[in-house]
Amino acid sequence: MSIFVVAEIGINHNGDLKLCKELIDVAVVSGCNAVKFQKRNIDEVYTQEFLNAPRESPWGKTQRDQKKGLEFGKEEYDQIDKYCKEKKIEWFASAWDKSSQFFLREYNCNYNKVASAMIVYEDLLKMIAEEKKHTFISTGMSEIGDIEKAVKIFRDNDCPFELMHTVSTYPMKDENANLNLIKTLRNKFNCDVGYSGHEPGIVISLAAASMGITSLERHITLGRHLYGSDQSASVEPNGLRNLVASVRKIESAMGDGIKKIIPDEIPIAEKLREHINNSSN
């Protein structure tokens, strides 16, 4: 089974639909299977006190201005849905609240996503699991007990899912990757496991690709210098193309694990062992 590669646009579009479409184009050209967004109802996710607090940003001087500036509504998602269909690439989003999950149902995407921050939000998990769509569950910032509760919700609802090993730091330090946890999660929960990476570069993601992951998610950007908290942990266009091409090469190289002489080896074996055969005569 081929690794399902997700280009996480998230909020790296910076509220600009033109930039968003350019990022979708990058994902398509790179050979990704899907693009992913984040959806929030800011009045449900954040307190009024927080939203009224000062914050300088391109959209104004408060947290509300910044959060609202990064959020797409129905008009933008209608265009995203249409554009992705034209480009023949899947799209889906991680909802951070129940009203956002309800909003996303209008688009009938084929996949759902539980963000690491939301893995402990059991009411939201139940709402997602009721839809019975294949769901990617990120496991950053969580203990094994948190993951157990989430897995139980999805299994109780007979909803297909896979876990995604995640370390929720932006960017992640190499020494914190703990890729062996991919095997731990697979063995403990007897399910498919993917990897959602926040590290600079692509080496750790490629290592994960050699460990039997079923999905790979990376944030993407047109430039890490752009405004936004996720940009520094994102992959630029050239890096994304290299990542996807390398993942496909790794998949091809893994093989079936059965020792045998391949046809291309036979004439080489005959030539290099000719002196052995001659000495036996």
Protein backbone atom coordinates (compact mmCIF):
# COMPACT_ATOMS: atom_id res chain seq x y z
CA MET A 1 0.00 0.00 0.00
CA SER A 2 1.38 3.38 -1.02
CA ILE A 3 2.04 6.03 1.62
CA PHE A 4 -0.72 8.66 1.60
CA VAL A 5 1.10 11.99 1.42
CA VAL A 6 -0.71 15.01 2.83
CA ALA A 7 0.42 18.58 2.22
CA GLU A 8 -0.69 20.54 5.28
CA ILE A 9 -1.55 24.06 4.16
CA GLY A 10 -3.14 24.71 7.54
CA ILE A 11 -3.11 28.47 8.05
CA ASN A 12 -0.02 29.09 5.91
CA HIS A 13 -2.31 30.66 3.32
CA ASN A 14 -2.41 33.71 5.63
CA GLY A 15 -6.02 34.37 4.72
CA ASP A 16 -5.14 34.88 1.04
CA LEU A 17 -7.06 32.68 -1.39
CA LYS A 18 -4.55 33.37 -4.20
CA LEU A 19 -1.71 32.15 -1.99
CA CYS A 20 -3.84 29.18 -0.98
CA LYS A 21 -4.35 28.15 -4.60
CA GLU A 22 -0.62 28.47 -5.25
CA LEU A 23 0.02 26.10 -2.35
CA ILE A 24 -2.54 23.65 -3.74
CA ASP A 25 -0.73 23.83 -7.09
CA VAL A 26 2.59 23.03 -5.36
CA ALA A 27 1.01 19.96 -3.74
CA VAL A 28 -0.43 18.78 -7.06
CA VAL A 29 2.83 19.23 -8.99
CA SER A 30 4.75 17.45 -6.20
CA GLY A 31 2.48 14.40 -6.40
CA CYS A 32 0.77 14.69 -3.01
CA ASN A 33 -2.44 12.75 -2.41
CA ALA A 34 -4.23 15.50 -0.51
CA VAL A 35 -4.06 18.98 0.97
CA LYS A 36 -5.25 19.75 4.47
CA PHE A 37 -6.51 22.86 6.25
CA GLN A 38 -7.47 23.90 9.78
CA LYS A 39 -10.93 25.25 10.67
CA ARG A 40 -11.78 27.20 13.79
CA ASN A 41 -14.72 29.15 15.15
CA ILE A 42 -12.55 31.66 16.97
CA ASP A 43 -15.31 32.61 19.44
CA GLU A 44 -15.64 28.97 20.44
CA VAL A 45 -11.93 28.14 20.57
CA TYR A 46 -10.67 31.27 22.33
CA THR A 47 -11.91 33.33 25.29
CA GLN A 48 -13.09 36.88 24.74
CA GLU A 49 -10.34 38.06 27.08
CA PHE A 50 -7.73 36.42 24.86
CA LEU A 51 -9.27 37.74 21.65
CA ASN A 52 -9.32 41.29 23.01
CA ALA A 53 -5.66 41.14 24.04
CA PRO A 54 -3.14 43.18 22.03
CA ARG A 55 -1.24 41.56 19.16
CA GLU A 56 0.39 43.28 16.25
CA SER A 57 -0.24 41.50 12.94
CA PRO A 58 -0.89 42.32 9.27
CA TRP A 59 -4.62 42.36 10.09
CA GLY A 60 -4.71 44.67 13.10
CA LYS A 61 -3.68 45.18 16.70
CA THR A 62 -5.61 42.49 18.63
CA GLN A 63 -5.60 38.70 18.84
CA ARG A 64 -9.08 38.75 17.32
CA ASP A 65 -7.82 40.63 14.27
CA GLN A 66 -5.01 38.10 13.80
CA LYS A 67 -7.13 34.98 14.32
CA LYS A 68 -9.94 36.31 12.12
CA GLY A 69 -7.45 37.26 9.40
CA LEU A 70 -6.18 33.67 9.22
CA GLU A 71 -9.63 32.08 9.06
CA PHE A 72 -11.42 31.11 5.85
CA GLY A 73 -15.23 31.08 5.71
CA LYS A 74 -17.82 29.54 3.41
CA GLU A 75 -16.98 31.67 0.38
CA GLU A 76 -13.32 30.64 0.49
CA TYR A 77 -14.01 26.97 1.22
CA ASP A 78 -16.48 26.84 -1.66
CA GLN A 79 -13.65 27.97 -3.93
CA ILE A 80 -11.16 25.58 -2.32
CA ASP A 81 -13.57 22.69 -2.88
CA LYS A 82 -14.09 23.66 -6.51
CA TYR A 83 -10.38 24.24 -7.16
CA CYS A 84 -9.29 20.93 -5.63
CA LYS A 85 -11.87 19.08 -7.73
CA GLU A 86 -10.53 20.80 -10.85
CA LYS A 87 -6.97 19.86 -9.87
CA LYS A 88 -8.04 16.31 -8.94
CA ILE A 89 -6.58 16.37 -5.43
CA GLU A 90 -8.33 15.44 -2.19
CA TRP A 91 -8.78 18.04 0.53
CA PHE A 92 -9.90 17.88 4.13
CA ALA A 93 -9.45 19.82 7.35
CA SER A 94 -8.96 19.44 11.08
CA ALA A 95 -11.76 21.09 13.05
CA TRP A 96 -10.89 22.64 16.40
CA ASP A 97 -14.48 22.86 17.65
CA LYS A 98 -17.83 21.21 17.05
CA SER A 99 -19.38 24.00 14.99
CA SER A 100 -16.38 23.85 12.62
CA GLN A 101 -16.81 20.10 12.20
CA PHE A 102 -20.47 20.70 11.43
CA PHE A 103 -19.39 23.34 8.88
CA LEU A 104 -17.02 20.88 7.17
CA ARG A 105 -19.78 18.29 6.73
CA GLU A 106 -21.23 20.46 3.95
CA TYR A 107 -18.32 19.52 1.69
CA ASN A 108 -18.50 15.75 2.11
CA CYS A 109 -14.73 15.30 2.09
CA ASN A 110 -13.50 11.71 2.09
CA TYR A 111 -11.30 12.15 5.18
CA ASN A 112 -11.29 13.70 8.64
CA LYS A 113 -8.39 14.77 10.81
CA VAL A 114 -8.01 15.05 14.58
CA ALA A 115 -5.31 17.60 15.42
CA SER A 116 -2.97 16.73 18.27
CA ALA A 117 -4.39 19.55 20.36
CA MET A 118 -7.89 18.07 19.98
CA ILE A 119 -7.15 14.41 20.79
CA VAL A 120 -8.43 15.00 24.35
CA TYR A 121 -11.66 16.72 23.18
CA GLU A 122 -13.87 13.66 23.47
CA ASP A 123 -17.15 15.32 22.42
CA LEU A 124 -15.51 16.45 19.16
CA LEU A 125 -13.97 12.99 18.63
CA LYS A 126 -17.39 11.38 19.02
CA MET A 127 -18.87 13.78 16.48
CA ILE A 128 -16.10 12.99 13.99
CA ALA A 129 -16.31 9.22 14.59
CA GLU A 130 -20.06 9.24 13.94
CA GLU A 131 -19.33 10.28 10.34
CA LYS A 132 -17.48 6.99 9.78
CA LYS A 133 -14.95 8.57 7.40
CA HIS A 134 -11.32 7.47 7.45
CA THR A 135 -9.74 9.68 10.11
CA PHE A 136 -6.10 10.61 10.71
CA ILE A 137 -5.48 11.05 14.45
CA SER A 138 -2.37 12.99 15.42
CA THR A 139 -0.89 12.04 18.78
CA GLY A 140 1.31 14.98 19.78
CA MET A 141 1.06 16.40 23.32
CA SER A 142 -0.62 13.22 24.56
CA GLU A 143 -0.04 10.26 26.86
CA ILE A 144 -0.80 6.64 25.95
CA GLY A 145 -3.97 6.89 28.05
CA ASP A 146 -5.22 9.81 25.92
CA ILE A 147 -4.63 7.78 22.77
CA GLU A 148 -6.41 4.76 24.27
CA LYS A 149 -9.53 6.85 24.93
CA ALA A 150 -9.48 8.24 21.38
CA VAL A 151 -9.01 4.81 19.80
CA LYS A 152 -11.90 3.43 21.86
CA ILE A 153 -14.23 6.18 20.60
CA PHE A 154 -13.43 5.39 16.97
CA ARG A 155 -13.65 1.64 17.43
CA ASP A 156 -16.93 1.91 19.35
CA ASN A 157 -18.32 3.88 16.39
CA ASP A 158 -16.85 1.45 13.83
CA CYS A 159 -15.04 4.39 12.22
CA PRO A 160 -11.85 3.63 10.23
CA PHE A 161 -8.80 5.50 11.49
CA GLU A 162 -5.05 5.57 11.67
CA LEU A 163 -2.82 7.13 14.28
CA MET A 164 -0.10 9.60 13.30
CA HIS A 165 3.05 9.83 15.37
CA THR A 166 3.55 13.52 16.04
CA VAL A 167 5.80 15.74 18.15
CA SER A 168 4.09 19.10 18.58
CA THR A 169 7.00 21.52 18.56
CA TYR A 170 7.52 24.01 15.74
CA PRO A 171 10.10 23.29 14.50
CA MET A 172 10.88 19.94 16.11
CA LYS A 173 14.44 19.13 17.19
CA ASP A 174 15.90 16.04 15.55
CA GLU A 175 16.65 14.38 18.88
CA ASN A 176 12.97 14.60 19.86
CA ALA A 177 11.68 12.69 16.82
CA ASN A 178 11.47 9.30 18.62
CA LEU A 179 10.63 7.46 15.40
CA ASN A 180 10.63 4.11 17.19
CA LEU A 181 7.32 5.19 18.68
CA ILE A 182 5.81 4.41 15.27
CA LYS A 183 6.41 0.71 15.98
CA THR A 184 5.17 1.08 19.56
CA LEU A 185 1.87 2.60 18.47
CA ARG A 186 1.40 0.02 15.70
CA ASN A 187 2.00 -2.90 18.06
CA LYS A 188 -0.03 -1.55 20.97
CA PHE A 189 -3.11 -0.46 19.04
CA ASN A 190 -2.93 -2.95 16.16
CA CYS A 191 -3.64 -0.25 13.60
CA ASP A 192 -2.01 1.65 10.77
CA VAL A 193 0.33 4.44 11.86
CA GLY A 194 1.47 7.49 9.93
CA TYR A 195 3.85 10.33 10.68
CA SER A 196 3.11 14.06 10.91
CA GLY A 197 6.41 15.92 10.95
CA HIS A 198 7.33 19.40 12.10
CA GLU A 199 11.09 19.17 11.64
CA PRO A 200 13.25 21.32 9.36
CA GLY A 201 14.22 19.45 6.20
CA ILE A 202 13.06 16.07 4.97
CA VAL A 203 15.55 13.50 6.34
CA ILE A 204 13.49 12.44 9.37
CA SER A 205 10.35 12.13 7.26
CA LEU A 206 12.25 9.89 4.86
CA ALA A 207 13.41 7.74 7.77
CA ALA A 208 9.79 7.43 8.87
CA ALA A 209 8.85 6.38 5.33
CA SER A 210 11.14 3.37 5.69
CA MET A 211 9.37 2.24 8.88
CA GLY A 212 6.09 1.09 7.38
CA ILE A 213 4.05 4.27 7.85
CA THR A 214 0.78 4.47 5.93
CA SER A 215 0.57 8.27 5.78
CA LEU A 216 2.94 11.22 5.85
CA GLU A 217 1.89 14.79 6.57
CA ARG A 218 4.10 17.88 6.29
CA HIS A 219 3.26 21.57 6.50
CA ILE A 220 4.05 23.35 3.24
CA THR A 221 4.88 26.98 2.46
CA LEU A 222 5.96 29.13 -0.45
CA GLY A 223 8.71 30.52 1.81
CA ARG A 224 9.70 30.01 5.43
CA HIS A 225 10.28 33.77 5.73
CA LEU A 226 6.53 34.45 5.43
CA TYR A 227 4.38 35.54 8.36
CA GLY A 228 3.05 32.73 10.56
CA SER A 229 3.93 30.43 13.43
CA ASP A 230 3.95 27.29 11.25
CA GLN A 231 6.17 28.60 8.44
CA SER A 232 9.49 27.66 10.06
CA ALA A 233 8.38 24.02 10.41
CA SER A 234 7.16 23.85 6.81
CA VAL A 235 8.63 22.47 3.58
CA GLU A 236 9.17 24.79 0.62
CA PRO A 237 8.19 23.76 -2.96
CA ASN A 238 11.54 22.25 -3.97
CA GLY A 239 11.75 20.38 -0.69
CA LEU A 240 8.23 19.01 -1.12
CA ARG A 241 9.00 17.74 -4.62
CA ASN A 242 12.15 16.06 -3.32
CA LEU A 243 10.28 14.62 -0.36
CA VAL A 244 7.50 12.99 -2.38
CA ALA A 245 9.88 11.68 -5.06
CA SER A 246 12.15 10.23 -2.36
CA VAL A 247 9.24 8.63 -0.51
CA ARG A 248 8.13 6.90 -3.71
CA LYS A 249 11.70 5.71 -4.32
CA ILE A 250 11.89 4.34 -0.76
CA GLU A 251 8.59 2.50 -1.26
CA SER A 252 9.94 0.93 -4.44
CA ALA A 253 13.16 -0.08 -2.69
CA MET A 254 11.59 -1.77 0.35
CA GLY A 255 10.64 -4.94 -1.55
CA ASP A 256 8.93 -8.05 -0.17
CA GLY A 257 11.66 -9.21 2.22
CA ILE A 258 12.05 -12.57 0.47
CA LYS A 259 15.61 -13.64 -0.36
CA LYS A 260 15.94 -14.77 -3.97
CA ILE A 261 18.19 -14.35 -6.97
CA ILE A 262 16.68 -11.75 -9.26
CA PRO A 263 16.87 -12.24 -13.02
CA ASP A 264 19.34 -9.35 -13.47
CA GLU A 265 21.78 -11.13 -11.13
CA ILE A 266 21.91 -14.40 -13.09
CA PRO A 267 24.33 -13.39 -15.89
CA ILE A 268 26.51 -11.56 -13.35
CA ALA A 269 26.63 -14.62 -11.11
CA GLU A 270 27.59 -16.81 -14.08
CA LYS A 271 30.41 -14.46 -15.02
CA LEU A 272 31.79 -13.86 -11.52
CA ARG A 273 31.56 -17.57 -10.58
CA GLU A 274 32.89 -18.89 -13.87
CA HIS A 275 36.26 -19.82 -12.34
CA ILE A 276 34.45 -21.81 -9.63
CA ASN A 277 32.52 -23.80 -12.20
CA ASN A 278 35.66 -24.35 -14.31
CA SER A 279 37.68 -25.61 -11.36
CA SER A 280 34.97 -28.10 -10.55
CA ASN A 281 35.22 -29.74 -13.99
